[in-house]
């Protein structure tokens, strides 16, 4: 049974927020704009690849391969902090003892053209692409750190999972749950109005309608 870590009340309904203990791996189960290549002796990280670290003599050689052989038009290093769990970032961590470079995230020319619809990479588009990179890394970090959530609504048993990040407004969790409640309320209103129309049509006396509505 999942443990409720927070309850949000909305229009008389209770949204229970819980950890998602079986989230999808966004690097192996999603279609991403960016490619992510990672090498680590103990963790299987990043996208699935046939490349091995012993095929290269340092990170400079890896970067050169990605540019020349994979068609990378924009590439940034990735760093991992490994201490009582792992976390990934596009920025270096302050503790050099437990952290270091573990690979690259990059945009290929093929995806730039086919997915983003860009023929060339202008400075404005480069800035936009870097934001996409940051978003994919943040989502992957949420997965690695267990910051994936879901909700269930007590009064309706409605539930949904796979919201990445603890900011439930940003992840869309609360909006999704609130929309579900709004739909439930609207559905109840429609059903009630249909009952009233049926009572009127069948000339049910007014004094009996209240008891019927709870029947």
N, C-alpha and C. Protein backbone atom coordinates (compact mmCIF):
# COMPACT_ATOMS: atom_id res chain seq x y z
N UNK A 1 0.84 -1.20 0.00
CA UNK A 1 0.00 0.00 0.00
C UNK A 1 0.88 1.25 0.00
N UNK A 2 0.60 2.19 -0.89
CA UNK A 2 1.39 3.41 -0.97
C UNK A 2 1.12 4.33 0.22
N UNK A 3 2.14 5.06 0.61
CA UNK A 3 2.01 5.98 1.73
C UNK A 3 1.71 7.39 1.23
N UNK A 4 0.68 8.01 1.77
CA UNK A 4 0.32 9.37 1.40
C UNK A 4 1.32 10.33 2.03
N UNK A 5 1.94 11.17 1.20
CA UNK A 5 2.92 12.13 1.73
C UNK A 5 2.34 13.53 1.84
N UNK A 6 1.20 13.75 1.20
CA UNK A 6 0.56 15.06 1.26
C UNK A 6 -0.89 14.92 0.79
N UNK A 7 -1.79 15.67 1.41
CA UNK A 7 -3.19 15.68 1.00
C UNK A 7 -3.61 17.12 0.70
N UNK A 8 -4.18 17.32 -0.47
CA UNK A 8 -4.63 18.64 -0.89
C UNK A 8 -6.15 18.60 -1.03
N UNK A 9 -6.84 19.55 -0.41
CA UNK A 9 -8.30 19.60 -0.51
C UNK A 9 -8.70 20.54 -1.64
N UNK A 10 -9.67 20.10 -2.43
CA UNK A 10 -10.14 20.90 -3.58
C UNK A 10 -11.63 20.66 -3.77
N UNK A 11 -12.42 21.70 -3.55
CA UNK A 11 -13.87 21.65 -3.74
C UNK A 11 -14.53 20.51 -2.96
N UNK A 12 -14.02 20.27 -1.75
CA UNK A 12 -14.60 19.23 -0.91
C UNK A 12 -14.06 17.84 -1.15
N UNK A 13 -13.16 17.70 -2.12
CA UNK A 13 -12.53 16.42 -2.42
C UNK A 13 -11.11 16.42 -1.87
N UNK A 14 -10.58 15.23 -1.62
CA UNK A 14 -9.24 15.11 -1.03
C UNK A 14 -8.31 14.39 -2.02
N UNK A 15 -7.26 15.10 -2.42
CA UNK A 15 -6.26 14.56 -3.35
C UNK A 15 -5.09 14.05 -2.52
N UNK A 16 -4.90 12.74 -2.50
CA UNK A 16 -3.78 12.15 -1.77
C UNK A 16 -2.60 11.99 -2.74
N UNK A 17 -1.47 12.61 -2.40
CA UNK A 17 -0.27 12.55 -3.24
C UNK A 17 0.68 11.51 -2.66
N UNK A 18 1.15 10.61 -3.53
CA UNK A 18 2.00 9.51 -3.09
C UNK A 18 3.19 9.34 -4.03
N UNK A 19 4.22 8.66 -3.56
CA UNK A 19 5.35 8.33 -4.41
C UNK A 19 4.92 7.30 -5.46
N UNK A 20 5.45 7.44 -6.66
CA UNK A 20 5.27 6.43 -7.69
C UNK A 20 6.45 5.48 -7.58
N UNK A 21 6.21 4.27 -7.11
CA UNK A 21 7.30 3.33 -6.88
C UNK A 21 7.63 2.48 -8.10
N UNK A 22 6.95 2.70 -9.19
CA UNK A 22 7.26 1.96 -10.42
C UNK A 22 7.19 2.90 -11.63
N UNK A 23 8.00 3.97 -11.62
CA UNK A 23 7.93 4.95 -12.72
C UNK A 23 8.63 4.45 -13.97
N UNK A 24 8.28 5.03 -15.10
CA UNK A 24 8.97 4.73 -16.35
C UNK A 24 10.35 5.40 -16.35
N UNK A 25 11.32 4.71 -16.95
CA UNK A 25 12.63 5.30 -17.15
C UNK A 25 12.54 6.22 -18.37
N UNK A 26 12.67 7.52 -18.19
CA UNK A 26 12.49 8.44 -19.33
C UNK A 26 13.56 8.32 -20.41
N UNK A 27 14.67 7.67 -20.11
CA UNK A 27 15.73 7.53 -21.12
C UNK A 27 15.57 6.26 -21.95
N UNK A 28 14.85 5.29 -21.46
CA UNK A 28 14.70 4.04 -22.21
C UNK A 28 13.26 3.78 -22.67
N UNK A 29 12.30 4.48 -22.07
CA UNK A 29 10.90 4.21 -22.40
C UNK A 29 10.20 5.40 -23.06
N UNK A 30 10.89 6.52 -23.22
CA UNK A 30 10.30 7.70 -23.85
C UNK A 30 11.05 8.04 -25.14
N UNK A 31 10.37 8.80 -26.00
CA UNK A 31 11.02 9.40 -27.16
C UNK A 31 11.51 10.78 -26.73
N UNK A 32 12.81 11.00 -26.81
CA UNK A 32 13.40 12.26 -26.38
C UNK A 32 13.99 13.03 -27.56
N UNK A 33 14.07 14.34 -27.40
CA UNK A 33 14.69 15.16 -28.43
C UNK A 33 16.21 14.97 -28.39
N UNK A 34 16.76 14.92 -27.19
CA UNK A 34 18.20 14.82 -27.02
C UNK A 34 18.65 13.37 -26.88
N UNK A 35 19.92 13.14 -27.15
CA UNK A 35 20.57 11.86 -26.89
C UNK A 35 21.41 12.01 -25.63
N UNK A 36 21.50 10.93 -24.85
CA UNK A 36 22.27 10.97 -23.61
C UNK A 36 23.18 9.76 -23.55
N UNK A 37 24.48 10.01 -23.59
CA UNK A 37 25.47 8.95 -23.52
C UNK A 37 26.19 9.03 -22.18
N UNK A 38 26.15 7.93 -21.42
CA UNK A 38 26.79 7.90 -20.11
C UNK A 38 27.61 6.63 -19.95
N UNK A 39 28.75 6.76 -19.29
CA UNK A 39 29.59 5.62 -18.94
C UNK A 39 29.80 5.61 -17.43
N UNK A 40 29.51 4.46 -16.80
CA UNK A 40 29.75 4.33 -15.37
C UNK A 40 30.01 2.86 -15.07
N UNK A 41 30.93 2.61 -14.15
CA UNK A 41 31.32 1.24 -13.85
C UNK A 41 30.26 0.47 -13.06
N UNK A 42 29.39 1.19 -12.34
CA UNK A 42 28.41 0.51 -11.49
C UNK A 42 26.95 0.76 -11.85
N UNK A 43 26.68 1.82 -12.59
CA UNK A 43 25.30 2.16 -12.92
C UNK A 43 25.09 2.14 -14.44
N UNK A 44 23.91 1.68 -14.82
CA UNK A 44 23.52 1.70 -16.23
C UNK A 44 22.71 2.96 -16.46
N UNK A 45 23.35 3.99 -17.00
CA UNK A 45 22.73 5.31 -17.10
C UNK A 45 22.58 5.75 -18.55
N UNK A 46 21.66 6.71 -18.76
CA UNK A 46 21.49 7.31 -20.08
C UNK A 46 20.75 6.42 -21.05
N UNK A 47 20.92 6.70 -22.35
CA UNK A 47 20.24 5.95 -23.40
C UNK A 47 20.95 4.62 -23.65
N UNK A 48 20.22 3.68 -24.21
CA UNK A 48 20.82 2.41 -24.60
C UNK A 48 21.80 2.63 -25.75
N UNK A 49 23.00 2.07 -25.64
CA UNK A 49 24.03 2.28 -26.65
C UNK A 49 24.96 1.08 -26.73
N UNK A 50 25.59 0.92 -27.88
CA UNK A 50 26.60 -0.13 -28.06
C UNK A 50 28.01 0.39 -27.76
N UNK A 51 28.13 1.68 -27.52
CA UNK A 51 29.43 2.27 -27.24
C UNK A 51 29.90 1.89 -25.83
N UNK A 52 31.21 1.67 -25.67
CA UNK A 52 31.80 1.32 -24.40
C UNK A 52 32.91 2.33 -24.07
N UNK A 53 33.13 2.55 -22.78
CA UNK A 53 34.13 3.52 -22.37
C UNK A 53 35.53 3.13 -22.82
N UNK A 54 35.81 1.80 -22.90
CA UNK A 54 37.16 1.38 -23.27
C UNK A 54 37.43 1.53 -24.78
N UNK A 55 36.43 2.02 -25.51
CA UNK A 55 36.63 2.30 -26.93
C UNK A 55 37.26 3.67 -27.14
N UNK A 56 37.38 4.43 -26.06
CA UNK A 56 37.87 5.81 -26.17
C UNK A 56 38.99 6.07 -25.18
N UNK A 57 39.82 7.03 -25.52
CA UNK A 57 40.90 7.44 -24.65
C UNK A 57 40.59 8.83 -24.09
N UNK A 58 39.61 8.88 -23.18
CA UNK A 58 39.24 10.13 -22.54
C UNK A 58 37.99 10.77 -23.12
N UNK A 59 37.48 11.76 -22.38
CA UNK A 59 36.22 12.41 -22.76
C UNK A 59 36.33 13.23 -24.04
N UNK A 60 37.52 13.78 -24.30
CA UNK A 60 37.70 14.55 -25.54
C UNK A 60 37.48 13.69 -26.76
N UNK A 61 37.92 12.44 -26.67
CA UNK A 61 37.75 11.51 -27.79
C UNK A 61 36.28 11.11 -27.94
N UNK A 62 35.59 10.97 -26.82
CA UNK A 62 34.16 10.66 -26.87
C UNK A 62 33.41 11.81 -27.55
N UNK A 63 33.70 13.03 -27.13
CA UNK A 63 33.04 14.20 -27.71
C UNK A 63 33.32 14.30 -29.21
N UNK A 64 34.54 14.05 -29.61
CA UNK A 64 34.90 14.09 -31.03
C UNK A 64 34.11 13.05 -31.82
N UNK A 65 33.95 11.86 -31.24
CA UNK A 65 33.17 10.80 -31.90
C UNK A 65 31.72 11.23 -32.08
N UNK A 66 31.13 11.81 -31.05
CA UNK A 66 29.73 12.21 -31.12
C UNK A 66 29.51 13.28 -32.18
N UNK A 67 30.47 14.17 -32.33
CA UNK A 67 30.36 15.23 -33.33
C UNK A 67 30.58 14.69 -34.74
N UNK A 68 31.61 13.88 -34.89
CA UNK A 68 31.99 13.42 -36.24
C UNK A 68 31.18 12.22 -36.71
N UNK A 69 30.82 11.33 -35.81
CA UNK A 69 30.15 10.09 -36.20
C UNK A 69 28.64 10.09 -35.92
N UNK A 70 28.23 10.78 -34.86
CA UNK A 70 26.81 10.79 -34.51
C UNK A 70 26.09 12.04 -35.00
N UNK A 71 26.85 13.00 -35.51
CA UNK A 71 26.24 14.22 -36.04
C UNK A 71 25.76 15.18 -34.98
N UNK A 72 26.45 15.22 -33.82
CA UNK A 72 26.06 16.15 -32.76
C UNK A 72 26.36 17.58 -33.18
N UNK A 73 25.33 18.43 -33.11
CA UNK A 73 25.51 19.84 -33.45
C UNK A 73 25.55 20.71 -32.19
N UNK A 74 25.15 20.14 -31.07
CA UNK A 74 25.19 20.82 -29.78
C UNK A 74 25.42 19.76 -28.71
N UNK A 75 26.42 19.96 -27.87
CA UNK A 75 26.80 18.94 -26.91
C UNK A 75 27.22 19.59 -25.60
N UNK A 76 26.76 18.98 -24.49
CA UNK A 76 27.11 19.48 -23.17
C UNK A 76 27.46 18.30 -22.26
N UNK A 77 28.43 18.49 -21.35
CA UNK A 77 28.81 17.40 -20.44
C UNK A 77 27.77 17.16 -19.35
N UNK A 78 27.77 15.95 -18.83
CA UNK A 78 26.90 15.56 -17.73
C UNK A 78 27.75 15.14 -16.54
N UNK A 79 27.26 15.47 -15.32
CA UNK A 79 28.00 15.17 -14.10
C UNK A 79 27.11 14.37 -13.15
N UNK A 80 27.73 13.46 -12.42
CA UNK A 80 27.01 12.63 -11.46
C UNK A 80 27.59 12.81 -10.08
N UNK A 81 26.70 12.97 -9.10
CA UNK A 81 27.10 13.00 -7.69
C UNK A 81 26.61 11.71 -7.06
N UNK A 82 27.52 10.95 -6.48
CA UNK A 82 27.21 9.63 -5.95
C UNK A 82 27.53 9.59 -4.46
N UNK A 83 26.50 9.79 -3.65
CA UNK A 83 26.68 9.74 -2.19
C UNK A 83 25.31 9.51 -1.57
N UNK A 84 25.10 8.31 -1.03
CA UNK A 84 23.79 7.93 -0.47
C UNK A 84 22.69 8.13 -1.51
N UNK A 85 22.95 7.67 -2.71
CA UNK A 85 22.06 7.88 -3.84
C UNK A 85 22.78 8.66 -4.92
N UNK A 86 22.19 8.73 -6.08
CA UNK A 86 22.84 9.42 -7.19
C UNK A 86 21.95 10.54 -7.73
N UNK A 87 22.60 11.58 -8.21
CA UNK A 87 21.89 12.70 -8.83
C UNK A 87 22.72 13.19 -10.01
N UNK A 88 22.06 13.60 -11.08
CA UNK A 88 22.72 13.96 -12.31
C UNK A 88 22.44 15.43 -12.64
N UNK A 89 23.39 16.08 -13.31
CA UNK A 89 23.25 17.51 -13.60
C UNK A 89 24.11 17.89 -14.80
N UNK A 90 23.77 19.03 -15.41
CA UNK A 90 24.60 19.60 -16.46
C UNK A 90 25.67 20.52 -15.88
N UNK A 91 25.63 20.73 -14.57
CA UNK A 91 26.62 21.57 -13.90
C UNK A 91 27.47 20.72 -12.97
N UNK A 92 28.71 21.11 -12.79
CA UNK A 92 29.60 20.38 -11.90
C UNK A 92 29.14 20.54 -10.45
N UNK A 93 29.36 19.50 -9.65
CA UNK A 93 29.04 19.53 -8.23
C UNK A 93 30.24 20.06 -7.45
N UNK A 94 29.97 20.65 -6.31
CA UNK A 94 31.04 21.27 -5.52
C UNK A 94 31.98 20.23 -4.91
N UNK A 95 31.46 19.03 -4.64
CA UNK A 95 32.28 17.98 -4.05
C UNK A 95 32.92 17.14 -5.15
N UNK A 96 34.19 17.36 -5.42
CA UNK A 96 34.86 16.64 -6.49
C UNK A 96 35.17 15.19 -6.13
N UNK A 97 35.17 14.89 -4.81
CA UNK A 97 35.50 13.53 -4.37
C UNK A 97 34.42 12.52 -4.79
N UNK A 98 33.15 12.90 -4.65
CA UNK A 98 32.05 11.98 -4.95
C UNK A 98 31.35 12.29 -6.27
N UNK A 99 31.94 13.12 -7.10
CA UNK A 99 31.29 13.50 -8.34
C UNK A 99 32.29 13.60 -9.48
N UNK A 100 31.75 13.66 -10.69
CA UNK A 100 32.61 13.81 -11.86
C UNK A 100 31.81 13.67 -13.13
N UNK A 101 32.47 13.89 -14.26
CA UNK A 101 31.82 13.78 -15.57
C UNK A 101 31.50 12.32 -15.86
N UNK A 102 30.27 12.05 -16.35
CA UNK A 102 29.91 10.67 -16.69
C UNK A 102 29.40 10.55 -18.12
N UNK A 103 29.43 11.65 -18.89
CA UNK A 103 28.99 11.54 -20.27
C UNK A 103 28.55 12.86 -20.85
N UNK A 104 27.68 12.76 -21.87
CA UNK A 104 27.23 13.95 -22.59
C UNK A 104 25.76 13.85 -22.94
N UNK A 105 25.12 14.99 -23.01
CA UNK A 105 23.79 15.09 -23.61
C UNK A 105 23.97 15.94 -24.87
N UNK A 106 23.35 15.51 -25.97
CA UNK A 106 23.63 16.20 -27.22
C UNK A 106 22.44 16.14 -28.18
N UNK A 107 22.43 17.11 -29.07
CA UNK A 107 21.41 17.22 -30.12
C UNK A 107 22.05 16.86 -31.44
N UNK A 108 21.47 15.91 -32.15
CA UNK A 108 22.00 15.54 -33.46
C UNK A 108 21.37 16.39 -34.56
N UNK A 109 22.06 16.47 -35.67
CA UNK A 109 21.54 17.22 -36.82
C UNK A 109 20.24 16.61 -37.31
N UNK A 110 20.17 15.27 -37.26
CA UNK A 110 18.97 14.57 -37.73
C UNK A 110 17.75 14.94 -36.91
N UNK A 111 17.88 14.96 -35.57
CA UNK A 111 16.75 15.32 -34.72
C UNK A 111 16.46 16.81 -34.77
N UNK A 112 17.50 17.61 -34.93
CA UNK A 112 17.29 19.05 -35.07
C UNK A 112 16.35 19.33 -36.24
N UNK A 113 16.55 18.59 -37.34
CA UNK A 113 15.75 18.82 -38.54
C UNK A 113 14.41 18.10 -38.50
N UNK A 114 14.42 16.83 -38.09
CA UNK A 114 13.19 16.04 -38.15
C UNK A 114 12.24 16.30 -37.00
N UNK A 115 12.77 16.56 -35.80
CA UNK A 115 11.92 16.75 -34.62
C UNK A 115 11.64 18.23 -34.37
N UNK A 116 12.69 19.04 -34.38
CA UNK A 116 12.52 20.47 -34.10
C UNK A 116 12.17 21.28 -35.34
N UNK A 117 12.44 20.73 -36.51
CA UNK A 117 12.13 21.44 -37.74
C UNK A 117 13.07 22.60 -38.04
N UNK A 118 14.30 22.52 -37.52
CA UNK A 118 15.28 23.58 -37.75
C UNK A 118 16.28 23.13 -38.82
N UNK A 119 16.54 23.98 -39.78
CA UNK A 119 17.54 23.66 -40.80
C UNK A 119 18.95 24.01 -40.31
N UNK A 120 19.03 25.04 -39.47
CA UNK A 120 20.34 25.40 -38.91
C UNK A 120 20.15 25.87 -37.48
N UNK A 121 21.28 25.89 -36.74
CA UNK A 121 21.23 26.21 -35.31
C UNK A 121 21.69 27.65 -35.09
N UNK A 122 20.72 28.55 -34.98
CA UNK A 122 21.03 29.95 -34.68
C UNK A 122 21.29 30.09 -33.18
N UNK A 123 21.77 31.25 -32.76
CA UNK A 123 22.02 31.49 -31.34
C UNK A 123 20.73 31.39 -30.53
N UNK A 124 19.64 31.89 -31.08
CA UNK A 124 18.35 31.84 -30.40
C UNK A 124 17.89 30.39 -30.26
N UNK A 125 18.06 29.62 -31.33
CA UNK A 125 17.67 28.22 -31.27
C UNK A 125 18.59 27.42 -30.35
N UNK A 126 19.85 27.78 -30.31
CA UNK A 126 20.78 27.10 -29.41
C UNK A 126 20.35 27.28 -27.96
N UNK A 127 19.94 28.50 -27.61
CA UNK A 127 19.47 28.76 -26.25
C UNK A 127 18.23 27.93 -25.94
N UNK A 128 17.34 27.80 -26.93
CA UNK A 128 16.12 27.00 -26.75
C UNK A 128 16.47 25.53 -26.59
N UNK A 129 17.43 25.05 -27.39
CA UNK A 129 17.85 23.66 -27.31
C UNK A 129 18.48 23.34 -25.96
N UNK A 130 19.24 24.28 -25.41
CA UNK A 130 19.85 24.07 -24.10
C UNK A 130 18.78 23.97 -23.02
N UNK A 131 17.69 24.74 -23.16
CA UNK A 131 16.57 24.62 -22.23
C UNK A 131 15.93 23.24 -22.32
N UNK A 132 15.81 22.71 -23.56
CA UNK A 132 15.29 21.35 -23.73
C UNK A 132 16.21 20.35 -23.04
N UNK A 133 17.52 20.56 -23.20
CA UNK A 133 18.49 19.68 -22.55
C UNK A 133 18.30 19.69 -21.04
N UNK A 134 18.22 20.89 -20.47
CA UNK A 134 18.05 21.02 -19.02
C UNK A 134 16.78 20.32 -18.56
N UNK A 135 15.71 20.46 -19.32
CA UNK A 135 14.45 19.81 -18.96
C UNK A 135 14.56 18.30 -18.95
N UNK A 136 15.24 17.73 -19.96
CA UNK A 136 15.39 16.28 -20.01
C UNK A 136 16.28 15.77 -18.88
N UNK A 137 17.32 16.53 -18.56
CA UNK A 137 18.21 16.13 -17.46
C UNK A 137 17.48 16.22 -16.12
N UNK A 138 16.69 17.27 -15.92
CA UNK A 138 15.92 17.42 -14.68
C UNK A 138 14.93 16.27 -14.51
N UNK A 139 14.26 15.90 -15.60
CA UNK A 139 13.31 14.79 -15.54
C UNK A 139 14.03 13.48 -15.22
N UNK A 140 15.17 13.27 -15.84
CA UNK A 140 15.94 12.05 -15.56
C UNK A 140 16.44 12.05 -14.12
N UNK A 141 16.84 13.21 -13.64
CA UNK A 141 17.28 13.32 -12.25
C UNK A 141 16.13 13.01 -11.28
N UNK A 142 14.93 13.48 -11.61
CA UNK A 142 13.76 13.15 -10.78
C UNK A 142 13.57 11.63 -10.72
N UNK A 143 13.78 10.98 -11.86
CA UNK A 143 13.66 9.51 -11.90
C UNK A 143 14.73 8.85 -11.03
N UNK A 144 15.98 9.31 -11.16
CA UNK A 144 17.09 8.71 -10.41
C UNK A 144 16.97 8.95 -8.91
N UNK A 145 16.44 10.08 -8.52
CA UNK A 145 16.33 10.42 -7.10
C UNK A 145 14.99 10.01 -6.48
N UNK A 146 14.11 9.41 -7.27
CA UNK A 146 12.83 8.94 -6.74
C UNK A 146 11.79 10.02 -6.58
N UNK A 147 11.99 11.14 -7.27
CA UNK A 147 11.03 12.25 -7.17
C UNK A 147 9.95 12.12 -8.25
N UNK A 148 9.24 11.00 -8.21
CA UNK A 148 8.14 10.75 -9.15
C UNK A 148 6.90 10.43 -8.32
N UNK A 149 5.77 11.01 -8.71
CA UNK A 149 4.59 10.96 -7.85
C UNK A 149 3.32 10.60 -8.62
N UNK A 150 2.31 10.32 -7.85
CA UNK A 150 0.98 10.07 -8.39
C UNK A 150 -0.05 10.54 -7.38
N UNK A 151 -1.32 10.42 -7.74
CA UNK A 151 -2.38 10.83 -6.81
C UNK A 151 -3.55 9.88 -6.88
N UNK A 152 -4.30 9.86 -5.81
CA UNK A 152 -5.63 9.24 -5.84
C UNK A 152 -6.58 10.16 -5.12
N UNK A 153 -7.81 10.19 -5.59
CA UNK A 153 -8.84 11.05 -5.01
C UNK A 153 -9.75 10.19 -4.15
N UNK A 154 -9.79 10.47 -2.86
CA UNK A 154 -10.50 9.62 -1.90
C UNK A 154 -11.95 9.36 -2.29
N UNK A 155 -12.63 10.41 -2.69
CA UNK A 155 -14.08 10.32 -2.89
C UNK A 155 -14.47 9.63 -4.21
N UNK A 156 -13.53 9.51 -5.14
CA UNK A 156 -13.87 8.94 -6.46
C UNK A 156 -13.03 7.72 -6.82
N UNK A 157 -11.95 7.46 -6.07
CA UNK A 157 -10.99 6.39 -6.37
C UNK A 157 -10.27 6.62 -7.70
N UNK A 158 -10.37 7.83 -8.25
CA UNK A 158 -9.62 8.15 -9.46
C UNK A 158 -8.15 8.32 -9.09
N UNK A 159 -7.26 7.86 -9.96
CA UNK A 159 -5.83 7.97 -9.68
C UNK A 159 -5.04 8.10 -10.97
N UNK A 160 -3.84 8.62 -10.86
CA UNK A 160 -2.96 8.74 -12.01
C UNK A 160 -1.52 8.84 -11.50
N UNK A 161 -0.56 8.31 -12.28
CA UNK A 161 0.82 8.23 -11.83
C UNK A 161 1.77 8.75 -12.91
N UNK A 162 3.02 8.95 -12.52
CA UNK A 162 4.03 9.34 -13.49
C UNK A 162 4.23 10.84 -13.62
N UNK A 163 4.17 11.56 -12.49
CA UNK A 163 4.43 13.00 -12.50
C UNK A 163 5.83 13.22 -11.90
N UNK A 164 6.71 13.80 -12.72
CA UNK A 164 8.12 13.91 -12.33
C UNK A 164 8.41 15.27 -11.69
N UNK A 165 8.96 15.23 -10.46
CA UNK A 165 9.31 16.44 -9.73
C UNK A 165 8.36 16.70 -8.59
N UNK A 166 8.90 17.25 -7.47
CA UNK A 166 8.08 17.48 -6.29
C UNK A 166 7.20 18.72 -6.41
N UNK A 167 7.51 19.62 -7.34
CA UNK A 167 6.66 20.79 -7.57
C UNK A 167 5.43 20.33 -8.34
N UNK A 168 4.34 20.09 -7.60
CA UNK A 168 3.17 19.46 -8.20
C UNK A 168 2.42 20.38 -9.16
N UNK A 169 2.61 21.70 -9.00
CA UNK A 169 2.03 22.62 -9.97
C UNK A 169 2.80 22.53 -11.28
N UNK A 170 4.13 22.53 -11.20
CA UNK A 170 4.98 22.46 -12.38
C UNK A 170 4.85 21.13 -13.11
N UNK A 171 4.74 20.05 -12.33
CA UNK A 171 4.64 18.72 -12.95
C UNK A 171 3.28 18.46 -13.58
N UNK A 172 2.29 19.25 -13.21
CA UNK A 172 0.94 19.07 -13.75
C UNK A 172 0.07 18.15 -12.92
N UNK A 173 0.61 17.64 -11.81
CA UNK A 173 -0.15 16.69 -10.99
C UNK A 173 -1.43 17.31 -10.45
N UNK A 174 -1.30 18.45 -9.80
CA UNK A 174 -2.48 19.08 -9.19
C UNK A 174 -3.50 19.49 -10.25
N UNK A 175 -3.03 20.03 -11.36
CA UNK A 175 -3.95 20.44 -12.43
C UNK A 175 -4.73 19.23 -12.95
N UNK A 176 -4.03 18.12 -13.13
CA UNK A 176 -4.68 16.90 -13.62
C UNK A 176 -5.73 16.42 -12.62
N UNK A 177 -5.35 16.40 -11.33
CA UNK A 177 -6.29 15.94 -10.30
C UNK A 177 -7.49 16.87 -10.18
N UNK A 178 -7.25 18.17 -10.23
CA UNK A 178 -8.33 19.14 -10.12
C UNK A 178 -9.26 19.06 -11.33
N UNK A 179 -8.71 18.84 -12.51
CA UNK A 179 -9.55 18.67 -13.71
C UNK A 179 -10.44 17.44 -13.58
N UNK A 180 -9.87 16.39 -12.99
CA UNK A 180 -10.65 15.17 -12.77
C UNK A 180 -11.81 15.43 -11.82
N UNK A 181 -11.55 16.20 -10.78
CA UNK A 181 -12.62 16.55 -9.82
C UNK A 181 -13.67 17.43 -10.48
N UNK A 182 -13.22 18.40 -11.28
CA UNK A 182 -14.16 19.28 -12.00
C UNK A 182 -15.07 18.46 -12.92
N UNK A 183 -14.49 17.47 -13.58
CA UNK A 183 -15.29 16.60 -14.47
C UNK A 183 -16.29 15.77 -13.67
N UNK A 184 -15.85 15.30 -12.50
CA UNK A 184 -16.74 14.52 -11.63
C UNK A 184 -17.92 15.38 -11.17
N UNK A 185 -17.65 16.61 -10.78
CA UNK A 185 -18.70 17.52 -10.34
C UNK A 185 -19.66 17.83 -11.47
N UNK A 186 -19.11 18.10 -12.65
CA UNK A 186 -19.94 18.41 -13.82
C UNK A 186 -20.80 17.21 -14.20
N UNK A 187 -20.23 16.01 -14.10
CA UNK A 187 -20.98 14.79 -14.42
C UNK A 187 -22.14 14.61 -13.44
N UNK A 188 -21.88 14.88 -12.16
CA UNK A 188 -22.94 14.75 -11.15
C UNK A 188 -24.06 15.76 -11.41
N UNK A 189 -23.68 16.98 -11.82
CA UNK A 189 -24.68 18.00 -12.13
C UNK A 189 -25.56 17.55 -13.28
N UNK A 190 -24.94 17.03 -14.33
CA UNK A 190 -25.70 16.59 -15.50
C UNK A 190 -26.65 15.46 -15.15
N UNK A 191 -26.16 14.51 -14.33
CA UNK A 191 -27.01 13.39 -13.91
C UNK A 191 -28.19 13.89 -13.08
N UNK A 192 -27.92 14.89 -12.21
CA UNK A 192 -28.99 15.44 -11.37
C UNK A 192 -30.04 16.16 -12.22
N UNK A 193 -29.58 16.94 -13.21
CA UNK A 193 -30.51 17.65 -14.08
C UNK A 193 -31.35 16.68 -14.90
N UNK A 194 -30.71 15.56 -15.32
CA UNK A 194 -31.46 14.55 -16.07
C UNK A 194 -32.54 13.93 -15.20
N UNK A 195 -32.24 13.71 -13.92
CA UNK A 195 -33.24 13.19 -12.98
C UNK A 195 -34.41 14.15 -12.85
N UNK A 196 -34.08 15.44 -12.70
CA UNK A 196 -35.12 16.45 -12.54
C UNK A 196 -36.03 16.48 -13.77
N UNK A 197 -35.42 16.42 -14.95
CA UNK A 197 -36.21 16.42 -16.20
C UNK A 197 -37.15 15.21 -16.24
N UNK A 198 -36.62 14.04 -15.78
CA UNK A 198 -37.44 12.83 -15.77
C UNK A 198 -38.58 12.95 -14.77
N UNK A 199 -38.30 13.53 -13.58
CA UNK A 199 -39.35 13.70 -12.57
C UNK A 199 -40.45 14.64 -13.09
N UNK A 200 -40.03 15.73 -13.72
CA UNK A 200 -41.00 16.69 -14.25
C UNK A 200 -41.85 16.03 -15.33
N UNK A 201 -41.18 15.28 -16.21
CA UNK A 201 -41.89 14.60 -17.30
C UNK A 201 -42.91 13.61 -16.74
N UNK A 202 -42.51 12.91 -15.67
CA UNK A 202 -43.40 11.90 -15.08
C UNK A 202 -44.30 12.47 -13.98
N UNK A 203 -44.24 13.84 -13.82
CA UNK A 203 -45.10 14.54 -12.87
C UNK A 203 -44.95 14.02 -11.43
N UNK A 204 -43.68 13.78 -11.04
CA UNK A 204 -43.42 13.36 -9.65
C UNK A 204 -43.62 14.56 -8.74
N UNK A 205 -44.44 14.45 -7.69
CA UNK A 205 -44.67 15.58 -6.78
C UNK A 205 -43.36 16.09 -6.16
N UNK A 206 -43.27 17.39 -5.97
CA UNK A 206 -42.04 18.04 -5.49
C UNK A 206 -41.58 17.47 -4.14
N UNK A 207 -42.53 17.15 -3.24
CA UNK A 207 -42.15 16.72 -1.90
C UNK A 207 -41.45 15.36 -1.89
N UNK A 208 -41.56 14.61 -3.01
CA UNK A 208 -40.91 13.30 -3.07
C UNK A 208 -39.53 13.35 -3.76
N UNK A 209 -39.23 14.47 -4.38
CA UNK A 209 -37.99 14.53 -5.19
C UNK A 209 -36.73 14.48 -4.32
N UNK A 210 -36.78 15.07 -3.12
CA UNK A 210 -35.61 15.09 -2.26
C UNK A 210 -35.21 13.68 -1.84
N UNK A 211 -36.18 12.87 -1.43
CA UNK A 211 -35.90 11.50 -1.01
C UNK A 211 -35.42 10.67 -2.19
N UNK A 212 -35.97 10.92 -3.37
CA UNK A 212 -35.56 10.17 -4.55
C UNK A 212 -34.12 10.47 -4.97
N UNK A 213 -33.70 11.72 -4.74
CA UNK A 213 -32.36 12.11 -5.16
C UNK A 213 -31.28 11.42 -4.34
N UNK A 214 -31.65 10.86 -3.16
CA UNK A 214 -30.67 10.14 -2.34
C UNK A 214 -30.91 8.63 -2.41
N UNK A 215 -31.82 8.23 -3.27
CA UNK A 215 -32.11 6.82 -3.38
C UNK A 215 -31.20 6.07 -4.32
